Amino acid sequence: MSVGTFNETLRLLQTRGVVTVQRGPGGGLFAAEQTPMARLAHSVLTLDASRGDVTQALRIRNALEPLLWQDALWHASPADVKDLRVCLEGMAAAAAAGDADEFVVANWRLHARVADITPNSLLCSLYVALLELVERHAIAVRPQDGVSLAQHISDRWELHAAMVDALDRRDEGTLLRLVAEHDTTTAADEE
């Protein structure tokens, strides 16, 4: 395993409250006492999700989206916005290649990165746990009637790019309007 992979895994485990790292003499990597939030996230991740569970996870995730993006609006640094634009580049590359599966994965990376911005650890943990539940059950992009898959992916990319642009401009009204549009189309196109 590479050092980068190990460090990323360690960061994720720390974020989820699974392990703690103590520096200095007697330090090391230790199993953390699980907080109620860590137990909740674990229970979400270990669901034997039926289609109904995944649908409910999407519904809850969508309900959290406005809070998440609003926190990002208030707390995003220029480095955060730059990272979001890198995620958008991944989405654009997948769209250009016509790779719907990679587009979905890149989309989830963008959303996970938005979740990393919030200082609200409860919101971040719950949102990421729901996102991971949805990811595990391979929800795919389905265009609405009469729209080609390529056009649908392009439209989704444009919507996400507009959301990041509004966040970068600190344009709360536009961002919240776009998030609402995102949430209504997400429910219809993920299955």
N, C-alpha and C. Protein backbone atom coordinates (compact mmCIF):
# COMPACT_ATOMS: atom_id res chain seq x y z
N MET A 1 0.86 -1.18 0.00
CA MET A 1 0.00 0.00 0.00
C MET A 1 0.90 1.23 0.00
N SER A 2 0.53 2.22 -0.78
CA SER A 2 1.35 3.43 -0.84
C SER A 2 1.11 4.28 0.41
N VAL A 3 2.06 5.15 0.69
CA VAL A 3 1.96 6.05 1.83
C VAL A 3 0.73 6.96 1.68
N GLY A 4 0.50 7.45 0.46
CA GLY A 4 -0.65 8.32 0.22
C GLY A 4 -1.97 7.62 0.51
N THR A 5 -2.09 6.37 0.07
CA THR A 5 -3.31 5.60 0.33
C THR A 5 -3.50 5.39 1.82
N PHE A 6 -2.43 5.03 2.52
CA PHE A 6 -2.50 4.83 3.96
C PHE A 6 -2.93 6.13 4.67
N ASN A 7 -2.30 7.24 4.29
CA ASN A 7 -2.63 8.51 4.93
C ASN A 7 -4.07 8.92 4.68
N GLU A 8 -4.57 8.69 3.46
CA GLU A 8 -5.96 9.03 3.15
C GLU A 8 -6.92 8.15 3.95
N THR A 9 -6.60 6.87 4.05
CA THR A 9 -7.42 5.94 4.84
C THR A 9 -7.42 6.38 6.31
N LEU A 10 -6.28 6.72 6.82
CA LEU A 10 -6.16 7.18 8.20
C LEU A 10 -6.97 8.45 8.42
N ARG A 11 -6.91 9.39 7.48
CA ARG A 11 -7.68 10.62 7.59
C ARG A 11 -9.17 10.33 7.64
N LEU A 12 -9.64 9.43 6.76
CA LEU A 12 -11.06 9.07 6.74
C LEU A 12 -11.48 8.41 8.06
N LEU A 13 -10.64 7.52 8.57
CA LEU A 13 -10.96 6.86 9.83
C LEU A 13 -11.00 7.86 10.99
N GLN A 14 -10.11 8.83 10.98
CA GLN A 14 -10.12 9.87 12.01
C GLN A 14 -11.37 10.73 11.88
N THR A 15 -11.72 11.13 10.65
CA THR A 15 -12.90 11.96 10.41
C THR A 15 -14.16 11.27 10.91
N ARG A 16 -14.21 9.96 10.74
CA ARG A 16 -15.39 9.20 11.15
C ARG A 16 -15.35 8.81 12.62
N GLY A 17 -14.28 9.19 13.32
CA GLY A 17 -14.21 8.90 14.75
C GLY A 17 -13.91 7.45 15.08
N VAL A 18 -13.32 6.72 14.13
CA VAL A 18 -13.01 5.31 14.35
C VAL A 18 -11.67 5.15 15.06
N VAL A 19 -10.70 6.01 14.71
CA VAL A 19 -9.37 5.95 15.33
C VAL A 19 -8.95 7.35 15.78
N THR A 20 -8.01 7.35 16.72
CA THR A 20 -7.36 8.60 17.12
C THR A 20 -5.86 8.40 16.95
N VAL A 21 -5.17 9.49 16.71
CA VAL A 21 -3.72 9.45 16.58
C VAL A 21 -3.16 10.33 17.69
N GLN A 22 -2.27 9.75 18.49
CA GLN A 22 -1.62 10.51 19.55
C GLN A 22 -0.14 10.56 19.25
N ARG A 23 0.39 11.76 19.28
CA ARG A 23 1.80 11.98 18.96
C ARG A 23 2.64 11.93 20.24
N GLY A 24 3.93 11.78 20.05
CA GLY A 24 4.85 11.83 21.17
C GLY A 24 5.05 10.48 21.84
N PRO A 25 5.80 10.48 22.97
CA PRO A 25 6.05 9.22 23.68
C PRO A 25 4.73 8.57 24.10
N GLY A 26 4.63 7.30 23.87
CA GLY A 26 3.40 6.58 24.20
C GLY A 26 2.30 6.78 23.18
N GLY A 27 2.63 7.51 22.13
CA GLY A 27 1.63 7.80 21.10
C GLY A 27 1.46 6.64 20.15
N GLY A 28 0.60 6.85 19.18
CA GLY A 28 0.35 5.84 18.18
C GLY A 28 -1.05 5.95 17.63
N LEU A 29 -1.49 4.89 17.04
CA LEU A 29 -2.81 4.80 16.44
C LEU A 29 -3.68 3.96 17.36
N PHE A 30 -4.83 4.53 17.78
CA PHE A 30 -5.69 3.86 18.75
C PHE A 30 -7.13 3.85 18.27
N ALA A 31 -7.83 2.77 18.62
CA ALA A 31 -9.28 2.72 18.36
C ALA A 31 -9.94 3.77 19.23
N ALA A 32 -10.82 4.55 18.63
CA ALA A 32 -11.50 5.62 19.36
C ALA A 32 -12.75 5.08 20.03
N GLU A 33 -13.09 5.70 21.15
CA GLU A 33 -14.39 5.41 21.75
C GLU A 33 -15.41 6.01 20.81
N GLN A 34 -16.34 5.20 20.36
CA GLN A 34 -17.27 5.67 19.35
C GLN A 34 -18.29 6.64 19.92
N THR A 35 -18.38 7.77 19.24
CA THR A 35 -19.38 8.77 19.60
C THR A 35 -20.73 8.31 19.05
N PRO A 36 -21.83 8.89 19.53
CA PRO A 36 -23.13 8.54 18.95
C PRO A 36 -23.17 8.76 17.44
N MET A 37 -22.47 9.81 16.95
CA MET A 37 -22.47 10.06 15.51
C MET A 37 -21.72 8.97 14.77
N ALA A 38 -20.61 8.51 15.31
CA ALA A 38 -19.87 7.43 14.66
C ALA A 38 -20.70 6.16 14.62
N ARG A 39 -21.43 5.88 15.69
CA ARG A 39 -22.29 4.70 15.69
C ARG A 39 -23.41 4.85 14.66
N LEU A 40 -23.98 6.07 14.54
CA LEU A 40 -25.02 6.31 13.54
C LEU A 40 -24.47 6.11 12.13
N ALA A 41 -23.30 6.69 11.86
CA ALA A 41 -22.69 6.55 10.54
C ALA A 41 -22.41 5.07 10.25
N HIS A 42 -21.92 4.35 11.25
CA HIS A 42 -21.64 2.93 11.07
C HIS A 42 -22.93 2.17 10.75
N SER A 43 -24.01 2.50 11.45
CA SER A 43 -25.27 1.79 11.20
C SER A 43 -25.80 2.10 9.80
N VAL A 44 -25.60 3.33 9.31
CA VAL A 44 -26.01 3.66 7.95
C VAL A 44 -25.18 2.87 6.95
N LEU A 45 -23.88 2.79 7.20
CA LEU A 45 -22.98 2.11 6.26
C LEU A 45 -23.19 0.60 6.24
N THR A 46 -23.70 0.03 7.32
CA THR A 46 -23.86 -1.42 7.36
C THR A 46 -25.27 -1.87 7.03
N LEU A 47 -26.12 -0.96 6.62
CA LEU A 47 -27.46 -1.35 6.20
C LEU A 47 -27.38 -2.34 5.05
N ASP A 48 -28.21 -3.33 5.08
CA ASP A 48 -28.36 -4.22 3.94
C ASP A 48 -29.43 -3.56 3.09
N ALA A 49 -29.01 -2.60 2.33
CA ALA A 49 -29.95 -1.68 1.71
C ALA A 49 -30.76 -2.33 0.60
N SER A 50 -32.04 -2.24 0.76
CA SER A 50 -32.96 -2.59 -0.31
C SER A 50 -33.13 -1.35 -1.17
N ARG A 51 -33.83 -1.48 -2.25
CA ARG A 51 -34.09 -0.32 -3.10
C ARG A 51 -34.79 0.78 -2.30
N GLY A 52 -35.70 0.40 -1.42
CA GLY A 52 -36.39 1.38 -0.59
C GLY A 52 -35.44 2.12 0.34
N ASP A 53 -34.46 1.39 0.92
CA ASP A 53 -33.48 2.04 1.79
C ASP A 53 -32.65 3.04 1.01
N VAL A 54 -32.24 2.67 -0.19
CA VAL A 54 -31.43 3.56 -1.01
C VAL A 54 -32.25 4.79 -1.41
N THR A 55 -33.50 4.58 -1.76
CA THR A 55 -34.37 5.70 -2.10
C THR A 55 -34.52 6.65 -0.92
N GLN A 56 -34.68 6.09 0.27
CA GLN A 56 -34.80 6.92 1.47
C GLN A 56 -33.47 7.64 1.77
N ALA A 57 -32.36 6.95 1.55
CA ALA A 57 -31.05 7.58 1.75
C ALA A 57 -30.89 8.77 0.81
N LEU A 58 -31.32 8.61 -0.46
CA LEU A 58 -31.27 9.72 -1.41
C LEU A 58 -32.15 10.87 -0.95
N ARG A 59 -33.32 10.55 -0.46
CA ARG A 59 -34.25 11.58 -0.01
C ARG A 59 -33.65 12.38 1.16
N ILE A 60 -33.06 11.68 2.11
CA ILE A 60 -32.44 12.36 3.26
C ILE A 60 -31.23 13.15 2.80
N ARG A 61 -30.41 12.54 1.93
CA ARG A 61 -29.24 13.26 1.40
C ARG A 61 -29.66 14.54 0.72
N ASN A 62 -30.71 14.47 -0.09
CA ASN A 62 -31.19 15.66 -0.79
C ASN A 62 -31.70 16.71 0.18
N ALA A 63 -32.30 16.28 1.28
CA ALA A 63 -32.78 17.24 2.29
C ALA A 63 -31.61 17.96 2.97
N LEU A 64 -30.47 17.28 3.05
CA LEU A 64 -29.29 17.88 3.69
C LEU A 64 -28.50 18.80 2.75
N GLU A 65 -28.72 18.65 1.44
CA GLU A 65 -27.96 19.42 0.45
C GLU A 65 -27.98 20.93 0.70
N PRO A 66 -29.15 21.56 0.93
CA PRO A 66 -29.12 23.01 1.14
C PRO A 66 -28.25 23.43 2.34
N LEU A 67 -28.32 22.66 3.42
CA LEU A 67 -27.48 22.97 4.60
C LEU A 67 -26.01 22.83 4.25
N LEU A 68 -25.68 21.78 3.53
CA LEU A 68 -24.29 21.52 3.18
C LEU A 68 -23.72 22.62 2.29
N TRP A 69 -24.46 22.99 1.25
CA TRP A 69 -23.99 24.03 0.33
C TRP A 69 -23.96 25.39 1.01
N GLN A 70 -24.91 25.64 1.91
CA GLN A 70 -24.91 26.92 2.62
C GLN A 70 -23.69 27.00 3.54
N ASP A 71 -23.36 25.91 4.24
CA ASP A 71 -22.14 25.90 5.04
C ASP A 71 -20.92 26.12 4.16
N ALA A 72 -20.90 25.48 2.99
CA ALA A 72 -19.78 25.67 2.07
C ALA A 72 -19.68 27.13 1.66
N LEU A 73 -20.82 27.76 1.42
CA LEU A 73 -20.85 29.17 1.04
C LEU A 73 -20.20 30.03 2.13
N TRP A 74 -20.49 29.72 3.37
CA TRP A 74 -19.98 30.52 4.48
C TRP A 74 -18.54 30.19 4.85
N HIS A 75 -18.08 28.98 4.56
CA HIS A 75 -16.79 28.54 5.09
C HIS A 75 -15.75 28.16 4.05
N ALA A 76 -16.10 28.15 2.78
CA ALA A 76 -15.14 27.70 1.76
C ALA A 76 -13.99 28.69 1.61
N SER A 77 -12.80 28.16 1.62
CA SER A 77 -11.60 28.97 1.37
C SER A 77 -11.32 28.94 -0.14
N PRO A 78 -10.42 29.81 -0.61
CA PRO A 78 -10.04 29.73 -2.02
C PRO A 78 -9.49 28.35 -2.39
N ALA A 79 -8.78 27.70 -1.47
CA ALA A 79 -8.26 26.36 -1.74
C ALA A 79 -9.40 25.35 -1.89
N ASP A 80 -10.45 25.51 -1.08
CA ASP A 80 -11.62 24.63 -1.20
C ASP A 80 -12.27 24.79 -2.57
N VAL A 81 -12.43 26.03 -3.00
CA VAL A 81 -13.06 26.28 -4.31
C VAL A 81 -12.19 25.69 -5.42
N LYS A 82 -10.89 25.83 -5.28
CA LYS A 82 -9.97 25.25 -6.27
C LYS A 82 -10.15 23.73 -6.33
N ASP A 83 -10.26 23.07 -5.17
CA ASP A 83 -10.48 21.62 -5.13
C ASP A 83 -11.80 21.25 -5.79
N LEU A 84 -12.84 22.06 -5.55
CA LEU A 84 -14.14 21.79 -6.18
C LEU A 84 -14.02 21.88 -7.70
N ARG A 85 -13.23 22.84 -8.17
CA ARG A 85 -13.05 22.98 -9.62
C ARG A 85 -12.29 21.78 -10.19
N VAL A 86 -11.36 21.22 -9.43
CA VAL A 86 -10.66 20.00 -9.87
C VAL A 86 -11.67 18.85 -9.98
N CYS A 87 -12.58 18.76 -9.02
CA CYS A 87 -13.64 17.73 -9.10
C CYS A 87 -14.50 17.95 -10.34
N LEU A 88 -14.81 19.20 -10.63
CA LEU A 88 -15.59 19.51 -11.84
C LEU A 88 -14.84 19.07 -13.10
N GLU A 89 -13.52 19.23 -13.10
CA GLU A 89 -12.72 18.80 -14.25
C GLU A 89 -12.86 17.30 -14.46
N GLY A 90 -12.90 16.54 -13.37
CA GLY A 90 -13.10 15.09 -13.47
C GLY A 90 -14.46 14.77 -14.06
N MET A 91 -15.48 15.53 -13.65
CA MET A 91 -16.82 15.33 -14.20
C MET A 91 -16.83 15.67 -15.69
N ALA A 92 -16.16 16.76 -16.06
CA ALA A 92 -16.12 17.18 -17.46
C ALA A 92 -15.41 16.15 -18.33
N ALA A 93 -14.31 15.60 -17.82
CA ALA A 93 -13.57 14.59 -18.58
C ALA A 93 -14.42 13.34 -18.80
N ALA A 94 -15.14 12.93 -17.76
CA ALA A 94 -16.02 11.76 -17.89
C ALA A 94 -17.15 12.05 -18.87
N ALA A 95 -17.69 13.26 -18.82
CA ALA A 95 -18.77 13.64 -19.74
C ALA A 95 -18.25 13.64 -21.18
N ALA A 96 -17.07 14.19 -21.38
CA ALA A 96 -16.49 14.25 -22.73
C ALA A 96 -16.23 12.84 -23.27
N ALA A 97 -15.87 11.92 -22.38
CA ALA A 97 -15.60 10.54 -22.80
C ALA A 97 -16.89 9.73 -22.93
N GLY A 98 -18.00 10.32 -22.50
CA GLY A 98 -19.27 9.59 -22.55
C GLY A 98 -19.34 8.46 -21.54
N ASP A 99 -18.55 8.57 -20.47
CA ASP A 99 -18.48 7.53 -19.44
C ASP A 99 -19.41 7.89 -18.28
N ALA A 100 -20.64 7.40 -18.34
CA ALA A 100 -21.65 7.73 -17.33
C ALA A 100 -21.25 7.23 -15.95
N ASP A 101 -20.65 6.04 -15.88
CA ASP A 101 -20.25 5.50 -14.58
C ASP A 101 -19.19 6.38 -13.92
N GLU A 102 -18.18 6.76 -14.68
CA GLU A 102 -17.13 7.63 -14.12
C GLU A 102 -17.69 9.01 -13.78
N PHE A 103 -18.65 9.47 -14.57
CA PHE A 103 -19.28 10.75 -14.28
C PHE A 103 -19.95 10.71 -12.91
N VAL A 104 -20.66 9.63 -12.62
CA VAL A 104 -21.33 9.49 -11.32
C VAL A 104 -20.30 9.48 -10.19
N VAL A 105 -19.21 8.75 -10.38
CA VAL A 105 -18.16 8.68 -9.36
C VAL A 105 -17.56 10.07 -9.14
N ALA A 106 -17.28 10.79 -10.21
CA ALA A 106 -16.71 12.14 -10.10
C ALA A 106 -17.71 13.08 -9.42
N ASN A 107 -18.99 12.91 -9.72
CA ASN A 107 -20.04 13.71 -9.09
C ASN A 107 -20.03 13.46 -7.58
N TRP A 108 -19.95 12.19 -7.18
CA TRP A 108 -19.91 11.87 -5.75
C TRP A 108 -18.67 12.46 -5.09
N ARG A 109 -17.54 12.48 -5.81
CA ARG A 109 -16.32 13.09 -5.26
C ARG A 109 -16.55 14.58 -4.99
N LEU A 110 -17.22 15.24 -5.91
CA LEU A 110 -17.53 16.66 -5.73
C LEU A 110 -18.38 16.85 -4.47
N HIS A 111 -19.41 16.06 -4.33
CA HIS A 111 -20.30 16.20 -3.17
C HIS A 111 -19.58 15.88 -1.86
N ALA A 112 -18.72 14.86 -1.87
CA ALA A 112 -17.95 14.54 -0.67
C ALA A 112 -17.01 15.69 -0.32
N ARG A 113 -16.45 16.34 -1.34
CA ARG A 113 -15.55 17.47 -1.08
C ARG A 113 -16.31 18.65 -0.52
N VAL A 114 -17.53 18.88 -1.00
CA VAL A 114 -18.37 19.94 -0.42
C VAL A 114 -18.63 19.62 1.05
N ALA A 115 -18.90 18.36 1.36
CA ALA A 115 -19.15 17.96 2.75
C ALA A 115 -17.93 18.21 3.64
N ASP A 116 -16.73 18.06 3.07
CA ASP A 116 -15.51 18.30 3.85
C ASP A 116 -15.37 19.76 4.28
N ILE A 117 -16.05 20.66 3.61
CA ILE A 117 -15.91 22.09 3.91
C ILE A 117 -16.62 22.47 5.20
N THR A 118 -17.76 21.85 5.47
CA THR A 118 -18.54 22.28 6.62
C THR A 118 -17.81 22.02 7.94
N PRO A 119 -17.87 22.97 8.86
CA PRO A 119 -17.31 22.72 10.19
C PRO A 119 -18.25 21.89 11.06
N ASN A 120 -19.45 21.62 10.56
CA ASN A 120 -20.46 20.86 11.29
C ASN A 120 -20.16 19.37 11.10
N SER A 121 -19.49 18.76 12.07
CA SER A 121 -19.07 17.36 11.92
C SER A 121 -20.26 16.42 11.85
N LEU A 122 -21.35 16.74 12.52
CA LEU A 122 -22.55 15.90 12.45
C LEU A 122 -23.12 15.89 11.03
N LEU A 123 -23.25 17.07 10.44
CA LEU A 123 -23.76 17.18 9.08
C LEU A 123 -22.85 16.45 8.11
N CYS A 124 -21.55 16.67 8.23
CA CYS A 124 -20.59 16.03 7.33
C CYS A 124 -20.65 14.51 7.45
N SER A 125 -20.62 14.00 8.66
CA SER A 125 -20.61 12.55 8.87
C SER A 125 -21.87 11.90 8.34
N LEU A 126 -23.01 12.48 8.65
CA LEU A 126 -24.27 11.91 8.20
C LEU A 126 -24.38 11.95 6.68
N TYR A 127 -24.03 13.09 6.09
CA TYR A 127 -24.11 13.24 4.64
C TYR A 127 -23.19 12.25 3.93
N VAL A 128 -21.94 12.15 4.39
CA VAL A 128 -20.98 11.25 3.76
C VAL A 128 -21.41 9.80 3.93
N ALA A 129 -21.95 9.45 5.09
CA ALA A 129 -22.43 8.08 5.29
C ALA A 129 -23.57 7.76 4.32
N LEU A 130 -24.48 8.70 4.13
CA LEU A 130 -25.57 8.50 3.17
C LEU A 130 -25.04 8.40 1.75
N LEU A 131 -24.08 9.26 1.42
CA LEU A 131 -23.47 9.23 0.09
C LEU A 131 -22.80 7.88 -0.16
N GLU A 132 -22.10 7.37 0.84
CA GLU A 132 -21.43 6.07 0.69
C GLU A 132 -22.43 4.94 0.55
N LEU A 133 -23.55 5.01 1.25
CA LEU A 133 -24.60 4.00 1.10
C LEU A 133 -25.11 4.00 -0.34
N VAL A 134 -25.36 5.17 -0.88
CA VAL A 134 -25.84 5.28 -2.25
C VAL A 134 -24.77 4.76 -3.22
N GLU A 135 -23.52 5.13 -2.98
CA GLU A 135 -22.42 4.66 -3.84
C GLU A 135 -22.32 3.15 -3.88
N ARG A 136 -22.43 2.53 -2.70
CA ARG A 136 -22.29 1.07 -2.61
C ARG A 136 -23.35 0.34 -3.43
N HIS A 137 -24.45 0.97 -3.66
CA HIS A 137 -25.53 0.31 -4.37
C HIS A 137 -25.65 0.79 -5.81
N ALA A 138 -24.55 1.36 -6.32
CA ALA A 138 -24.36 1.65 -7.74
C ALA A 138 -25.57 2.29 -8.41
N ILE A 139 -25.99 3.37 -7.85
CA ILE A 139 -27.07 4.11 -8.49
C ILE A 139 -26.49 4.78 -9.74
N ALA A 140 -27.21 4.69 -10.81
CA ALA A 140 -26.73 5.17 -12.10
C ALA A 140 -27.53 6.38 -12.56
N VAL A 141 -26.96 7.07 -13.51
CA VAL A 141 -27.63 8.22 -14.10
C VAL A 141 -28.59 7.72 -15.17
N ARG A 142 -29.81 8.20 -15.10
CA ARG A 142 -30.81 7.91 -16.13
C ARG A 142 -31.38 9.22 -16.61
N PRO A 143 -31.28 9.47 -17.90
CA PRO A 143 -31.85 10.73 -18.41
C PRO A 143 -33.37 10.70 -18.35
N GLN A 144 -33.93 11.90 -18.28
CA GLN A 144 -35.38 12.00 -18.34
C GLN A 144 -35.82 11.75 -19.77
N ASP A 145 -37.08 11.42 -19.93
CA ASP A 145 -37.61 11.07 -21.26
C ASP A 145 -37.26 12.13 -22.30
N GLY A 146 -36.83 11.64 -23.46
CA GLY A 146 -36.57 12.51 -24.59
C GLY A 146 -35.21 13.18 -24.59
N VAL A 147 -34.36 12.90 -23.60
CA VAL A 147 -33.03 13.51 -23.52
C VAL A 147 -31.99 12.40 -23.65
N SER A 148 -31.00 12.62 -24.49
CA SER A 148 -29.94 11.62 -24.64
C SER A 148 -29.09 11.59 -23.37
N LEU A 149 -28.44 10.46 -23.14
CA LEU A 149 -27.56 10.34 -21.98
C LEU A 149 -26.45 11.38 -22.03
N ALA A 150 -25.87 11.60 -23.20
CA ALA A 150 -24.79 12.59 -23.34
C ALA A 150 -25.28 13.99 -22.98
N GLN A 151 -26.47 14.35 -23.44
CA GLN A 151 -27.03 15.67 -23.13
C GLN A 151 -27.34 15.78 -21.64
N HIS A 152 -27.87 14.71 -21.09
CA HIS A 152 -28.21 14.71 -19.66
C HIS A 152 -26.96 14.93 -18.80
N ILE A 153 -25.89 14.19 -19.12
CA ILE A 153 -24.64 14.33 -18.37
C ILE A 153 -24.10 15.75 -18.52
N SER A 154 -24.16 16.28 -19.73
CA SER A 154 -23.70 17.65 -19.96
C SER A 154 -24.51 18.64 -19.14
N ASP A 155 -25.82 18.46 -19.11
CA ASP A 155 -26.69 19.35 -18.31
C ASP A 155 -26.35 19.26 -16.83
N ARG A 156 -26.09 18.03 -16.33
CA ARG A 156 -25.74 17.84 -14.91
C ARG A 156 -24.41 18.53 -14.60
N TRP A 157 -23.44 18.41 -15.51
CA TRP A 157 -22.16 19.06 -15.30
C TRP A 157 -22.35 20.58 -15.23
N GLU A 158 -23.12 21.13 -16.17
CA GLU A 158 -23.36 22.57 -16.19
C GLU A 158 -24.02 23.04 -14.89
N LEU A 159 -24.96 22.27 -14.38
CA LEU A 159 -25.62 22.64 -13.12
C LEU A 159 -24.62 22.65 -11.97
N HIS A 160 -23.78 21.63 -11.88
CA HIS A 160 -22.78 21.58 -10.80
C HIS A 160 -21.74 22.70 -10.95
N ALA A 161 -21.34 22.98 -12.18
CA ALA A 161 -20.39 24.07 -12.42
C ALA A 161 -21.01 25.41 -11.99
N ALA A 162 -22.29 25.60 -12.29
CA ALA A 162 -22.97 26.84 -11.89
C ALA A 162 -23.06 26.94 -10.37
N MET A 163 -23.26 25.79 -9.69
CA MET A 163 -23.32 25.80 -8.23
C MET A 163 -21.97 26.22 -7.64
N VAL A 164 -20.89 25.66 -8.19
CA VAL A 164 -19.55 26.02 -7.69
C VAL A 164 -19.26 27.49 -8.01
N ASP A 165 -19.66 27.98 -9.18
CA ASP A 165 -19.46 29.39 -9.53
C ASP A 165 -20.21 30.30 -8.55
N ALA A 166 -21.45 29.95 -8.22
CA ALA A 166 -22.24 30.76 -7.27
C ALA A 166 -21.59 30.73 -5.89
N LEU A 167 -21.09 29.58 -5.50
CA LEU A 167 -20.39 29.48 -4.21
C LEU A 167 -19.15 30.38 -4.22
N ASP A 168 -18.40 30.33 -5.30
CA ASP A 168 -17.18 31.13 -5.43
C ASP A 168 -17.50 32.63 -5.37
N ARG A 169 -18.63 33.04 -5.95
CA ARG A 169 -19.04 34.45 -5.93
C ARG A 169 -19.72 34.84 -4.61
N ARG A 170 -19.99 33.84 -3.78
CA ARG A 170 -20.73 34.05 -2.51
C ARG A 170 -22.13 34.58 -2.80
N ASP A 171 -22.73 34.05 -3.85
CA ASP A 171 -24.08 34.45 -4.28
C ASP A 171 -25.08 33.45 -3.70
N GLU A 172 -25.53 33.73 -2.49
CA GLU A 172 -26.38 32.80 -1.75
C GLU A 172 -27.71 32.53 -2.46
N GLY A 173 -28.35 33.57 -2.96
CA GLY A 173 -29.64 33.38 -3.63
C GLY A 173 -29.54 32.45 -4.82
N THR A 174 -28.56 32.69 -5.68
CA THR A 174 -28.37 31.84 -6.85
C THR A 174 -28.00 30.42 -6.44
N LEU A 175 -27.10 30.30 -5.47
CA LEU A 175 -26.67 28.97 -5.04
C LEU A 175 -27.85 28.16 -4.51
N LEU A 176 -28.66 28.74 -3.65
CA LEU A 176 -29.79 28.01 -3.07
C LEU A 176 -30.84 27.65 -4.14
N ARG A 177 -31.02 28.54 -5.13
CA ARG A 177 -31.93 28.23 -6.24
C ARG A 177 -31.40 27.04 -7.04
N LEU A 178 -30.10 27.03 -7.31
CA LEU A 178 -29.48 25.94 -8.06
C LEU A 178 -29.51 24.62 -7.27
N VAL A 179 -29.30 24.71 -5.96
CA VAL A 179 -29.36 23.51 -5.12
C VAL A 179 -30.77 22.93 -5.15
N ALA A 180 -31.77 23.79 -5.10
CA ALA A 180 -33.16 23.31 -5.18
C ALA A 180 -33.41 22.64 -6.53
N GLU A 181 -32.89 23.22 -7.60
CA GLU A 181 -33.03 22.62 -8.93
C GLU A 181 -32.30 21.28 -8.97
N HIS A 182 -31.12 21.24 -8.39
CA HIS A 182 -30.32 20.02 -8.32
C HIS A 182 -31.09 18.92 -7.60
N ASP A 183 -31.70 19.24 -6.49
CA ASP A 183 -32.40 18.24 -5.70
C ASP A 183 -33.63 17.68 -6.41
N THR A 184 -34.33 18.52 -7.16
CA THR A 184 -35.51 18.01 -7.87
C THR A 184 -35.10 17.13 -9.04
N THR A 185 -33.99 17.44 -9.70
CA THR A 185 -33.56 16.61 -10.83
C THR A 185 -32.83 15.37 -10.35
N THR A 186 -32.15 15.43 -9.20
CA THR A 186 -31.44 14.27 -8.69
C THR A 186 -32.38 13.13 -8.39
N ALA A 187 -33.50 13.43 -7.77
CA ALA A 187 -34.47 12.39 -7.44
C ALA A 187 -34.97 11.68 -8.69
N ALA A 188 -35.09 12.42 -9.78
CA ALA A 188 -35.63 11.84 -11.00
C ALA A 188 -34.60 11.06 -11.80
N ASP A 189 -33.31 11.39 -11.66
CA ASP A 189 -32.35 10.77 -12.57
C ASP A 189 -31.42 9.75 -11.93
N GLU A 190 -31.54 9.47 -10.66
CA GLU A 190 -30.71 8.44 -10.05
C GLU A 190 -31.56 7.22 -9.74
N GLU A 191 -31.11 6.07 -10.19
CA GLU A 191 -31.85 4.84 -9.94
C GLU A 191 -30.90 3.71 -9.72
